[in-house]
Amino acid sequence: MSNENEVLFEKEKQNIPKVKVERKEGEPTAAFKGASWAALLVGVSAYLIGLFNATMELNEKGYYFAVLIFGLYASVSLQKAVRDKDEDIPVTSIYYGISWLALIIAISLMAIGLYNAGSIVLSEKGFYAMSFVLSLFAAITVQKNIRDTNKARERD
């Protein structure tokens, strides 16, 4: 009986036409887009849940929240400036420099804040650092995917 079911299943499987989704040239795959969004959601969510559950004072929580938002903005802004320069889209040197400076400052503020935080245990410091880095990287990747998708669709 089991063999009959397997044979029927294989026949049904062969009759089902596979739907092939065409990607435009240069467009990231759906899996890569999904993984990028998932990494961004996991990184930001983990950071914010950790911040919400932390026993630190409200002003300290505000500091770490502001550093996260600043870092996300700075990383996306720098990625855009670097990409624009690479594609010969005019970017002023002051904007390019400020984008680099903003990202360096955001990362420095996070590192200095965690180094000097006496109320946070070492494992929690590592948690914040890793979720911060994951969030920055994912934000850059999501922005790149959006830009690549839009560029690929504009070609048609």
Protein backbone atom coordinates (compact mmCIF):
# COMPACT_ATOMS: atom_id res chain seq x y z
CA MET A 1 0.00 0.00 0.00
CA SER A 2 2.85 2.34 0.83
CA ASN A 3 4.47 1.82 -2.59
CA GLU A 4 1.19 2.64 -4.37
CA ASN A 5 0.91 5.90 -2.47
CA GLU A 6 4.48 6.82 -3.35
CA VAL A 7 3.86 6.09 -7.03
CA LEU A 8 0.68 8.21 -7.03
CA PHE A 9 2.49 11.01 -5.24
CA GLU A 10 5.32 10.96 -7.78
CA LYS A 11 2.85 11.08 -10.69
CA GLU A 12 1.01 14.05 -9.14
CA LYS A 13 4.31 15.77 -8.50
CA GLN A 14 5.31 15.43 -12.15
CA ASN A 15 2.03 16.94 -13.39
CA ILE A 16 2.31 20.12 -11.32
CA PRO A 17 3.89 22.87 -13.40
CA LYS A 18 6.62 24.75 -11.59
CA VAL A 19 6.08 28.46 -11.43
CA LYS A 20 9.33 30.21 -12.16
CA VAL A 21 9.54 33.76 -10.91
CA GLU A 22 11.75 35.80 -13.16
CA ARG A 23 14.20 38.08 -11.49
CA LYS A 24 15.50 41.13 -13.24
CA GLU A 25 19.23 41.26 -13.86
CA GLY A 26 20.95 42.71 -10.81
CA GLU A 27 17.97 42.15 -8.52
CA PRO A 28 18.70 40.27 -5.27
CA THR A 29 16.95 36.94 -4.73
CA ALA A 30 13.86 36.76 -2.56
CA ALA A 31 15.79 34.60 -0.09
CA PHE A 32 18.49 37.24 0.29
CA LYS A 33 15.92 40.00 0.72
CA GLY A 34 14.08 37.94 3.32
CA ALA A 35 17.25 37.08 5.19
CA SER A 36 18.24 40.76 5.25
CA TRP A 37 14.88 41.87 6.63
CA ALA A 38 14.91 39.02 9.15
CA ALA A 39 18.38 40.00 10.35
CA LEU A 40 17.28 43.62 10.73
CA LEU A 41 14.15 42.63 12.67
CA VAL A 42 16.04 40.19 14.88
CA GLY A 43 18.86 42.65 15.60
CA VAL A 44 16.65 45.64 16.38
CA SER A 45 14.07 43.55 18.27
CA ALA A 46 16.69 41.82 20.40
CA TYR A 47 18.35 45.16 21.19
CA LEU A 48 15.04 46.83 22.10
CA ILE A 49 13.73 43.88 24.12
CA GLY A 50 17.02 43.76 26.02
CA LEU A 51 16.81 47.49 26.60
CA PHE A 52 13.19 47.25 27.77
CA ASN A 53 14.02 44.47 30.24
CA ALA A 54 17.25 46.05 31.49
CA THR A 55 17.47 47.28 35.07
CA MET A 56 19.28 50.48 34.09
CA GLU A 57 17.86 53.94 34.61
CA LEU A 58 15.59 55.52 32.03
CA ASN A 59 18.17 58.10 30.94
CA GLU A 60 20.66 55.31 30.27
CA LYS A 61 18.06 53.40 28.24
CA GLY A 62 17.43 56.58 26.27
CA TYR A 63 21.14 56.91 25.56
CA TYR A 64 21.40 53.38 24.15
CA PHE A 65 18.19 53.83 22.14
CA ALA A 66 19.47 57.09 20.63
CA VAL A 67 22.81 55.47 19.77
CA LEU A 68 20.98 52.64 17.96
CA ILE A 69 18.84 55.04 15.91
CA PHE A 70 21.84 57.25 15.16
CA GLY A 71 23.89 54.22 14.10
CA LEU A 72 21.15 52.90 11.81
CA TYR A 73 20.75 56.27 10.12
CA ALA A 74 24.51 56.79 9.80
CA SER A 75 25.12 53.34 8.31
CA VAL A 76 22.38 53.71 5.69
CA SER A 77 23.51 57.24 4.86
CA LEU A 78 27.11 56.11 4.40
CA GLN A 79 26.07 53.15 2.25
CA LYS A 80 24.09 55.48 0.02
CA ALA A 81 26.96 57.96 -0.28
CA VAL A 82 29.49 55.24 -1.10
CA ARG A 83 27.16 53.69 -3.67
CA ASP A 84 26.38 57.06 -5.24
CA LYS A 85 30.09 57.80 -5.64
CA ASP A 86 30.67 54.39 -7.17
CA GLU A 87 27.88 54.97 -9.70
CA ASP A 88 29.17 58.46 -10.57
CA ILE A 89 26.21 60.18 -8.93
CA PRO A 90 27.43 63.49 -7.51
CA VAL A 91 28.10 63.39 -3.77
CA THR A 92 29.63 66.37 -2.02
CA SER A 93 32.77 65.62 -0.08
CA ILE A 94 31.27 67.25 3.01
CA TYR A 95 28.29 64.85 2.98
CA TYR A 96 30.57 61.89 2.33
CA GLY A 97 32.84 62.93 5.19
CA ILE A 98 29.96 63.59 7.58
CA SER A 99 28.50 60.17 6.76
CA TRP A 100 31.77 58.48 7.70
CA LEU A 101 32.13 60.64 10.81
CA ALA A 102 28.56 59.91 11.93
CA LEU A 103 29.07 56.15 11.69
CA ILE A 104 32.40 56.32 13.51
CA ILE A 105 30.82 58.45 16.25
CA ALA A 106 27.84 56.07 16.60
CA ILE A 107 30.10 53.03 16.95
CA SER A 108 32.39 54.93 19.34
CA LEU A 109 29.46 56.06 21.50
CA MET A 110 28.27 52.47 21.76
CA ALA A 111 31.74 51.16 22.62
CA ILE A 112 32.46 53.92 25.15
CA GLY A 113 29.01 53.59 26.72
CA LEU A 114 29.35 49.85 27.13
CA TYR A 115 32.92 50.10 28.40
CA ASN A 116 31.94 52.61 31.09
CA ALA A 117 28.63 51.00 32.07
CA GLY A 118 29.16 49.68 35.58
CA SER A 119 25.57 48.48 35.97
CA ILE A 120 25.75 46.09 33.01
CA VAL A 121 27.34 42.65 33.33
CA LEU A 122 29.87 41.59 30.70
CA SER A 123 27.53 39.11 28.98
CA GLU A 124 24.87 41.82 28.62
CA LYS A 125 27.46 44.19 27.15
CA GLY A 126 28.29 41.56 24.54
CA PHE A 127 24.60 41.10 23.80
CA TYR A 128 24.13 44.82 23.14
CA ALA A 129 27.29 45.04 21.04
CA MET A 130 26.35 42.06 18.86
CA SER A 131 22.73 43.13 18.32
CA PHE A 132 23.97 46.66 17.51
CA VAL A 133 26.43 45.37 14.90
CA LEU A 134 23.83 42.98 13.44
CA SER A 135 21.33 45.84 13.16
CA LEU A 136 23.81 48.14 11.41
CA PHE A 137 24.88 45.47 8.93
CA ALA A 138 21.30 44.43 8.23
CA ALA A 139 20.19 48.04 7.70
CA ILE A 140 22.94 48.48 5.11
CA THR A 141 21.95 45.25 3.38
CA VAL A 142 18.23 46.06 3.34
CA GLN A 143 18.94 49.50 1.88
CA LYS A 144 21.22 47.95 -0.76
CA ASN A 145 18.55 45.38 -1.68
CA ILE A 146 15.89 48.07 -2.05
CA ARG A 147 18.17 50.13 -4.25
CA ASP A 148 19.21 47.15 -6.38
CA THR A 149 15.58 46.08 -6.82
CA ASN A 150 14.48 49.56 -7.85
CA LYS A 151 17.39 49.91 -10.26
CA ALA A 152 16.69 46.51 -11.86
CA ARG A 153 13.01 47.39 -12.33
CA GLU A 154 13.81 50.80 -13.83
CA ARG A 155 15.80 49.14 -16.64
CA ASP A 156 12.63 47.63 -18.11
